[in-house]
Amino acid sequence: FRCVDTANLAELEGLVHPDVTTCYVGGSYRIEL
């Protein structure tokens, strides 16, 4: 959460698996990666 909020991509890269899958849902959006 901290790395997302601060856009700390270098640290964030080390927190997620290379094959990570994500799905974010909001009021008007759905983002699947």
All heavy atoms as atom14 arrays in JSON, in Angstrom:
{
  "sequence": "FRCVDTANLAELEGLVHPDVTTCYVGGSYRIEL",
  "atom14_mask": [
    [1, 1, 1, 1, 1, 1, 1, 1, 1, 1, 1, 0, 0, 0],
    [1, 1, 1, 1, 1, 1, 1, 1, 1, 1, 1, 0, 0, 0],
    [1, 1, 1, 1, 1, 1, 0, 0, 0, 0, 0, 0, 0, 0],
    [1, 1, 1, 1, 1, 1, 1, 0, 0, 0, 0, 0, 0, 0],
    [1, 1, 1, 1, 1, 1, 1, 1, 0, 0, 0, 0, 0, 0],
    [1, 1, 1, 1, 1, 1, 1, 0, 0, 0, 0, 0, 0, 0],
    [1, 1, 1, 1, 1, 0, 0, 0, 0, 0, 0, 0, 0, 0],
    [1, 1, 1, 1, 1, 1, 1, 1, 0, 0, 0, 0, 0, 0],
    [1, 1, 1, 1, 1, 1, 1, 1, 0, 0, 0, 0, 0, 0],
    [1, 1, 1, 1, 1, 0, 0, 0, 0, 0, 0, 0, 0, 0],
    [1, 1, 1, 1, 1, 1, 1, 1, 1, 0, 0, 0, 0, 0],
    [1, 1, 1, 1, 1, 1, 1, 1, 0, 0, 0, 0, 0, 0],
    [1, 1, 1, 1, 1, 1, 1, 1, 1, 0, 0, 0, 0, 0],
    [1, 1, 1, 1, 0, 0, 0, 0, 0, 0, 0, 0, 0, 0],
    [1, 1, 1, 1, 1, 1, 1, 1, 0, 0, 0, 0, 0, 0],
    [1, 1, 1, 1, 1, 1, 1, 0, 0, 0, 0, 0, 0, 0],
    [1, 1, 1, 1, 1, 1, 1, 1, 1, 1, 0, 0, 0, 0],
    [1, 1, 1, 1, 1, 1, 1, 0, 0, 0, 0, 0, 0, 0],
    [1, 1, 1, 1, 1, 1, 1, 1, 0, 0, 0, 0, 0, 0],
    [1, 1, 1, 1, 1, 1, 1, 0, 0, 0, 0, 0, 0, 0],
    [1, 1, 1, 1, 1, 1, 1, 0, 0, 0, 0, 0, 0, 0],
    [1, 1, 1, 1, 1, 1, 1, 0, 0, 0, 0, 0, 0, 0],
    [1, 1, 1, 1, 1, 1, 0, 0, 0, 0, 0, 0, 0, 0],
    [1, 1, 1, 1, 1, 1, 1, 1, 1, 1, 1, 1, 0, 0],
    [1, 1, 1, 1, 1, 1, 1, 0, 0, 0, 0, 0, 0, 0],
    [1, 1, 1, 1, 0, 0, 0, 0, 0, 0, 0, 0, 0, 0],
    [1, 1, 1, 1, 0, 0, 0, 0, 0, 0, 0, 0, 0, 0],
    [1, 1, 1, 1, 1, 1, 0, 0, 0, 0, 0, 0, 0, 0],
    [1, 1, 1, 1, 1, 1, 1, 1, 1, 1, 1, 1, 0, 0],
    [1, 1, 1, 1, 1, 1, 1, 1, 1, 1, 1, 0, 0, 0],
    [1, 1, 1, 1, 1, 1, 1, 1, 0, 0, 0, 0, 0, 0],
    [1, 1, 1, 1, 1, 1, 1, 1, 1, 0, 0, 0, 0, 0],
    [1, 1, 1, 1, 1, 1, 1, 1, 0, 0, 0, 0, 0, 0]
  ],
  "atom14_positions": [
    [[0.83, -1.21, 0.0], [0.0, 0.0, 0.0], [0.86, 1.26, 0.0], [0.6, 2.21, -0.73], [-0.93, 0.03, 1.22], [-2.08, -0.94, 1.16], [-2.41, -1.7, 2.28], [-2.84, -1.09, 0.02], [-3.48, -2.58, 2.24], [-3.91, -1.97, -0.03], [-4.23, -2.71, 1.09], [0.0, 0.0, 0.0], [0.0, 0.0, 0.0], [0.0, 0.0, 0.0]],
    [[1.91, 1.28, 0.84], [2.77, 2.45, 0.91], [3.45, 2.71, -0.43], [3.51, 3.86, -0.9], [3.83, 2.25, 2.0], [4.85, 3.37, 2.09], [5.88, 3.13, 3.18], [6.48, 1.82, 3.22], [7.44, 1.39, 2.4], [7.9, 2.18, 1.44], [7.94, 0.17, 2.52], [0.0, 0.0, 0.0], [0.0, 0.0, 0.0], [0.0, 0.0, 0.0]],
    [[3.93, 1.67, -1.07], [4.63, 1.84, -2.35], [3.67, 2.26, -3.46], [4.06, 3.04, -4.34], [5.36, 0.55, -2.73], [6.79, 0.23, -1.68], [0.0, 0.0, 0.0], [0.0, 0.0, 0.0], [0.0, 0.0, 0.0], [0.0, 0.0, 0.0], [0.0, 0.0, 0.0], [0.0, 0.0, 0.0], [0.0, 0.0, 0.0], [0.0, 0.0, 0.0]],
    [[2.45, 1.77, -3.46], [1.46, 2.23, -4.44], [1.19, 3.72, -4.21], [1.23, 4.52, -5.15], [0.16, 1.41, -4.35], [-0.97, 2.08, -5.13], [0.38, -0.01, -4.88], [0.0, 0.0, 0.0], [0.0, 0.0, 0.0], [0.0, 0.0, 0.0], [0.0, 0.0, 0.0], [0.0, 0.0, 0.0], [0.0, 0.0, 0.0], [0.0, 0.0, 0.0]],
    [[0.93, 4.12, -2.98], [0.6, 5.51, -2.68], [1.73, 6.47, -2.99], [1.49, 7.62, -3.35], [0.19, 5.66, -1.21], [-1.19, 5.1, -0.92], [-1.93, 4.79, -1.88], [-1.52, 4.96, 0.27], [0.0, 0.0, 0.0], [0.0, 0.0, 0.0], [0.0, 0.0, 0.0], [0.0, 0.0, 0.0], [0.0, 0.0, 0.0], [0.0, 0.0, 0.0]],
    [[2.96, 6.03, -2.86], [4.11, 6.89, -3.13], [4.72, 6.65, -4.5], [5.72, 7.26, -4.85], [5.2, 6.7, -2.06], [5.63, 5.33, -2.07], [4.68, 7.07, -0.68], [0.0, 0.0, 0.0], [0.0, 0.0, 0.0], [0.0, 0.0, 0.0], [0.0, 0.0, 0.0], [0.0, 0.0, 0.0], [0.0, 0.0, 0.0], [0.0, 0.0, 0.0]],
    [[4.11, 5.75, -5.28], [4.61, 5.37, -6.6], [6.08, 4.96, -6.53], [6.87, 5.28, -7.41], [4.39, 6.49, -7.62], [0.0, 0.0, 0.0], [0.0, 0.0, 0.0], [0.0, 0.0, 0.0], [0.0, 0.0, 0.0], [0.0, 0.0, 0.0], [0.0, 0.0, 0.0], [0.0, 0.0, 0.0], [0.0, 0.0, 0.0], [0.0, 0.0, 0.0]],
    [[6.43, 4.23, -5.5], [7.79, 3.72, -5.34], [7.9, 2.42, -6.13], [7.77, 1.32, -5.59], [8.1, 3.51, -3.86], [9.52, 3.07, -3.62], [10.2, 2.58, -4.52], [9.97, 3.25, -2.39], [0.0, 0.0, 0.0], [0.0, 0.0, 0.0], [0.0, 0.0, 0.0], [0.0, 0.0, 0.0], [0.0, 0.0, 0.0], [0.0, 0.0, 0.0]],
    [[8.11, 2.56, -7.43], [8.1, 1.41, -8.33], [9.25, 0.45, -8.07], [9.1, -0.76, -8.21], [8.12, 1.88, -9.78], [6.95, 2.77, -10.2], [7.09, 3.18, -11.65], [5.63, 2.08, -9.95], [0.0, 0.0, 0.0], [0.0, 0.0, 0.0], [0.0, 0.0, 0.0], [0.0, 0.0, 0.0], [0.0, 0.0, 0.0], [0.0, 0.0, 0.0]],
    [[10.41, 0.98, -7.7], [11.57, 0.12, -7.47], [11.3, -0.85, -6.32], [11.56, -2.06, -6.44], [12.8, 0.97, -7.18], [0.0, 0.0, 0.0], [0.0, 0.0, 0.0], [0.0, 0.0, 0.0], [0.0, 0.0, 0.0], [0.0, 0.0, 0.0], [0.0, 0.0, 0.0], [0.0, 0.0, 0.0], [0.0, 0.0, 0.0], [0.0, 0.0, 0.0]],
    [[10.77, -0.34, -5.21], [10.47, -1.23, -4.08], [9.26, -2.11, -4.38], [9.25, -3.29, -4.04], [10.23, -0.41, -2.82], [10.08, -1.27, -1.58], [9.91, -0.48, -0.29], [10.07, 0.77, -0.29], [9.61, -1.11, 0.73], [0.0, 0.0, 0.0], [0.0, 0.0, 0.0], [0.0, 0.0, 0.0], [0.0, 0.0, 0.0], [0.0, 0.0, 0.0]],
    [[8.26, -1.53, -5.03], [7.05, -2.28, -5.36], [7.36, -3.49, -6.24], [6.77, -4.56, -6.06], [6.04, -1.35, -6.04], [4.64, -1.87, -6.26], [3.99, -2.3, -4.95], [3.79, -0.8, -6.94], [0.0, 0.0, 0.0], [0.0, 0.0, 0.0], [0.0, 0.0, 0.0], [0.0, 0.0, 0.0], [0.0, 0.0, 0.0], [0.0, 0.0, 0.0]],
    [[8.28, -3.33, -7.14], [8.66, -4.44, -8.03], [9.12, -5.66, -7.23], [8.83, -6.79, -7.6], [9.77, -3.99, -8.99], [10.19, -5.07, -9.95], [11.23, -4.58, -10.94], [11.8, -3.49, -10.76], [11.46, -5.3, -11.94], [0.0, 0.0, 0.0], [0.0, 0.0, 0.0], [0.0, 0.0, 0.0], [0.0, 0.0, 0.0], [0.0, 0.0, 0.0]],
    [[9.8, -5.42, -6.12], [10.28, -6.52, -5.29], [9.23, -7.13, -4.39], [9.5, -8.13, -3.73], [0.0, 0.0, 0.0], [0.0, 0.0, 0.0], [0.0, 0.0, 0.0], [0.0, 0.0, 0.0], [0.0, 0.0, 0.0], [0.0, 0.0, 0.0], [0.0, 0.0, 0.0], [0.0, 0.0, 0.0], [0.0, 0.0, 0.0], [0.0, 0.0, 0.0]],
    [[8.03, -6.57, -4.37], [6.97, -7.07, -3.5], [5.97, -7.97, -4.22], [5.19, -8.66, -3.57], [6.2, -5.89, -2.88], [7.02, -4.91, -2.04], [6.12, -3.77, -1.56], [7.71, -5.59, -0.88], [0.0, 0.0, 0.0], [0.0, 0.0, 0.0], [0.0, 0.0, 0.0], [0.0, 0.0, 0.0], [0.0, 0.0, 0.0], [0.0, 0.0, 0.0]],
    [[5.98, -7.9, -5.56], [5.01, -8.68, -6.33], [5.72, -9.7, -7.21], [6.81, -9.45, -7.71], [4.09, -7.77, -7.17], [3.27, -6.85, -6.28], [4.86, -6.97, -8.19], [0.0, 0.0, 0.0], [0.0, 0.0, 0.0], [0.0, 0.0, 0.0], [0.0, 0.0, 0.0], [0.0, 0.0, 0.0], [0.0, 0.0, 0.0], [0.0, 0.0, 0.0]],
    [[5.09, -10.82, -7.4], [5.62, -11.9, -8.23], [5.6, -11.48, -9.7], [4.71, -10.72, -10.11], [4.76, -13.16, -8.02], [5.32, -14.38, -8.62], [5.14, -14.71, -9.94], [6.09, -15.37, -8.07], [5.75, -15.86, -10.18], [6.33, -16.27, -9.07], [0.0, 0.0, 0.0], [0.0, 0.0, 0.0], [0.0, 0.0, 0.0], [0.0, 0.0, 0.0]],
    [[6.54, -11.93, -10.52], [6.53, -11.57, -11.94], [5.22, -11.92, -12.66], [4.82, -11.23, -13.6], [7.69, -12.37, -12.53], [8.62, -12.59, -11.38], [7.73, -12.72, -10.16], [0.0, 0.0, 0.0], [0.0, 0.0, 0.0], [0.0, 0.0, 0.0], [0.0, 0.0, 0.0], [0.0, 0.0, 0.0], [0.0, 0.0, 0.0], [0.0, 0.0, 0.0]],
    [[4.53, -12.97, -12.2], [3.27, -13.39, -12.82], [2.05, -12.91, -12.04], [0.97, -13.5, -12.13], [3.23, -14.91, -12.95], [4.32, -15.44, -13.86], [4.65, -14.76, -14.86], [4.87, -16.52, -13.57], [0.0, 0.0, 0.0], [0.0, 0.0, 0.0], [0.0, 0.0, 0.0], [0.0, 0.0, 0.0], [0.0, 0.0, 0.0], [0.0, 0.0, 0.0]],
    [[2.2, -11.84, -11.26], [1.11, -11.34, -10.45], [-0.11, -11.01, -11.32], [0.03, -10.52, -12.44], [1.53, -10.08, -9.63], [1.82, -8.9, -10.53], [0.48, -9.72, -8.59], [0.0, 0.0, 0.0], [0.0, 0.0, 0.0], [0.0, 0.0, 0.0], [0.0, 0.0, 0.0], [0.0, 0.0, 0.0], [0.0, 0.0, 0.0], [0.0, 0.0, 0.0]],
    [[-1.28, -11.32, -10.8], [-2.53, -10.91, -11.45], [-3.28, -10.03, -10.47], [-3.26, -10.28, -9.26], [-3.4, -12.13, -11.84], [-3.65, -12.92, -10.68], [-2.71, -12.97, -12.9], [0.0, 0.0, 0.0], [0.0, 0.0, 0.0], [0.0, 0.0, 0.0], [0.0, 0.0, 0.0], [0.0, 0.0, 0.0], [0.0, 0.0, 0.0], [0.0, 0.0, 0.0]],
    [[-3.89, -8.98, -10.99], [-4.63, -8.06, -10.14], [-5.92, -7.67, -10.82], [-6.03, -7.66, -12.05], [-3.81, -6.77, -9.86], [-3.46, -6.18, -11.1], [-2.55, -7.07, -9.07], [0.0, 0.0, 0.0], [0.0, 0.0, 0.0], [0.0, 0.0, 0.0], [0.0, 0.0, 0.0], [0.0, 0.0, 0.0], [0.0, 0.0, 0.0], [0.0, 0.0, 0.0]],
    [[-6.9, -7.35, -10.0], [-8.18, -6.85, -10.48], [-8.64, -5.79, -9.51], [-8.8, -6.07, -8.32], [-9.21, -7.98, -10.57], [-10.82, -7.41, -11.14], [0.0, 0.0, 0.0], [0.0, 0.0, 0.0], [0.0, 0.0, 0.0], [0.0, 0.0, 0.0], [0.0, 0.0, 0.0], [0.0, 0.0, 0.0], [0.0, 0.0, 0.0], [0.0, 0.0, 0.0]],
    [[-8.78, -4.57, -10.01], [-9.24, -3.46, -9.18], [-10.58, -2.99, -9.72], [-10.73, -2.77, -10.92], [-8.22, -2.32, -9.18], [-6.86, -2.76, -8.72], [-5.81, -2.9, -9.61], [-6.64, -3.06, -7.38], [-4.57, -3.32, -9.17], [-5.4, -3.48, -6.94], [-4.37, -3.61, -7.85], [-3.14, -4.03, -7.42], [0.0, 0.0, 0.0], [0.0, 0.0, 0.0]],
    [[-11.54, -2.84, -8.81], [-12.89, -2.45, -9.2], [-13.27, -1.2, -8.44], [-13.12, -1.13, -7.22], [-13.89, -3.58, -8.9], [-15.3, -3.16, -9.26], [-13.5, -4.85, -9.63], [0.0, 0.0, 0.0], [0.0, 0.0, 0.0], [0.0, 0.0, 0.0], [0.0, 0.0, 0.0], [0.0, 0.0, 0.0], [0.0, 0.0, 0.0], [0.0, 0.0, 0.0]],
    [[-13.75, -0.19, -9.16], [-14.25, 1.03, -8.55], [-15.62, 1.34, -9.1], [-16.18, 0.55, -9.86], [0.0, 0.0, 0.0], [0.0, 0.0, 0.0], [0.0, 0.0, 0.0], [0.0, 0.0, 0.0], [0.0, 0.0, 0.0], [0.0, 0.0, 0.0], [0.0, 0.0, 0.0], [0.0, 0.0, 0.0], [0.0, 0.0, 0.0], [0.0, 0.0, 0.0]],
    [[-16.14, 2.5, -8.78], [-17.48, 2.87, -9.21], [-17.67, 2.81, -10.71], [-18.69, 2.34, -11.2], [0.0, 0.0, 0.0], [0.0, 0.0, 0.0], [0.0, 0.0, 0.0], [0.0, 0.0, 0.0], [0.0, 0.0, 0.0], [0.0, 0.0, 0.0], [0.0, 0.0, 0.0], [0.0, 0.0, 0.0], [0.0, 0.0, 0.0], [0.0, 0.0, 0.0]],
    [[-16.69, 3.24, -11.47], [-16.84, 3.29, -12.93], [-15.74, 2.53, -13.66], [-15.6, 2.66, -14.87], [-16.86, 4.75, -13.39], [-15.63, 5.36, -13.07], [0.0, 0.0, 0.0], [0.0, 0.0, 0.0], [0.0, 0.0, 0.0], [0.0, 0.0, 0.0], [0.0, 0.0, 0.0], [0.0, 0.0, 0.0], [0.0, 0.0, 0.0], [0.0, 0.0, 0.0]],
    [[-14.95, 1.75, -12.96], [-13.84, 1.09, -13.65], [-13.61, -0.32, -13.13], [-14.0, -0.68, -12.03], [-12.54, 1.9, -13.49], [-12.03, 1.97, -12.07], [-11.21, 0.97, -11.56], [-12.37, 3.03, -11.24], [-10.75, 1.02, -10.26], [-11.91, 3.09, -9.94], [-11.09, 2.08, -9.45], [-10.64, 2.13, -8.17], [0.0, 0.0, 0.0], [0.0, 0.0, 0.0]],
    [[-12.98, -1.1, -13.95], [-12.49, -2.43, -13.61], [-11.17, -2.58, -14.36], [-11.14, -2.51, -15.58], [-13.48, -3.51, -14.03], [-13.02, -4.91, -13.69], [-14.05, -5.95, -14.15], [-13.64, -7.27, -13.75], [-14.04, -7.89, -12.64], [-14.87, -7.28, -11.82], [-13.62, -9.09, -12.35], [0.0, 0.0, 0.0], [0.0, 0.0, 0.0], [0.0, 0.0, 0.0]],
    [[-10.09, -2.76, -13.62], [-8.76, -2.88, -14.21], [-8.23, -4.27, -13.88], [-8.06, -4.62, -12.72], [-7.8, -1.8, -13.65], [-8.34, -0.41, -13.91], [-6.41, -1.98, -14.23], [-7.59, 0.69, -13.18], [0.0, 0.0, 0.0], [0.0, 0.0, 0.0], [0.0, 0.0, 0.0], [0.0, 0.0, 0.0], [0.0, 0.0, 0.0], [0.0, 0.0, 0.0]],
    [[-7.98, -5.05, -14.91], [-7.41, -6.38, -14.74], [-6.04, -6.41, -15.39], [-5.89, -6.02, -16.54], [-8.32, -7.45, -15.35], [-9.66, -7.54, -14.62], [-10.52, -8.69, -15.1], [-10.02, -9.84, -15.09], [-11.66, -8.44, -15.49], [0.0, 0.0, 0.0], [0.0, 0.0, 0.0], [0.0, 0.0, 0.0], [0.0, 0.0, 0.0], [0.0, 0.0, 0.0]],
    [[-5.05, -6.87, -14.62], [-3.68, -6.89, -15.09], [-3.12, -8.3, -14.93], [-3.44, -8.99, -13.96], [-2.84, -5.88, -14.31], [-3.42, -4.45, -14.32], [-2.77, -3.59, -13.26], [-3.26, -3.83, -15.69], [0.0, 0.0, 0.0], [0.0, 0.0, 0.0], [0.0, 0.0, 0.0], [0.0, 0.0, 0.0], [0.0, 0.0, 0.0], [0.0, 0.0, 0.0]]
  ]
}
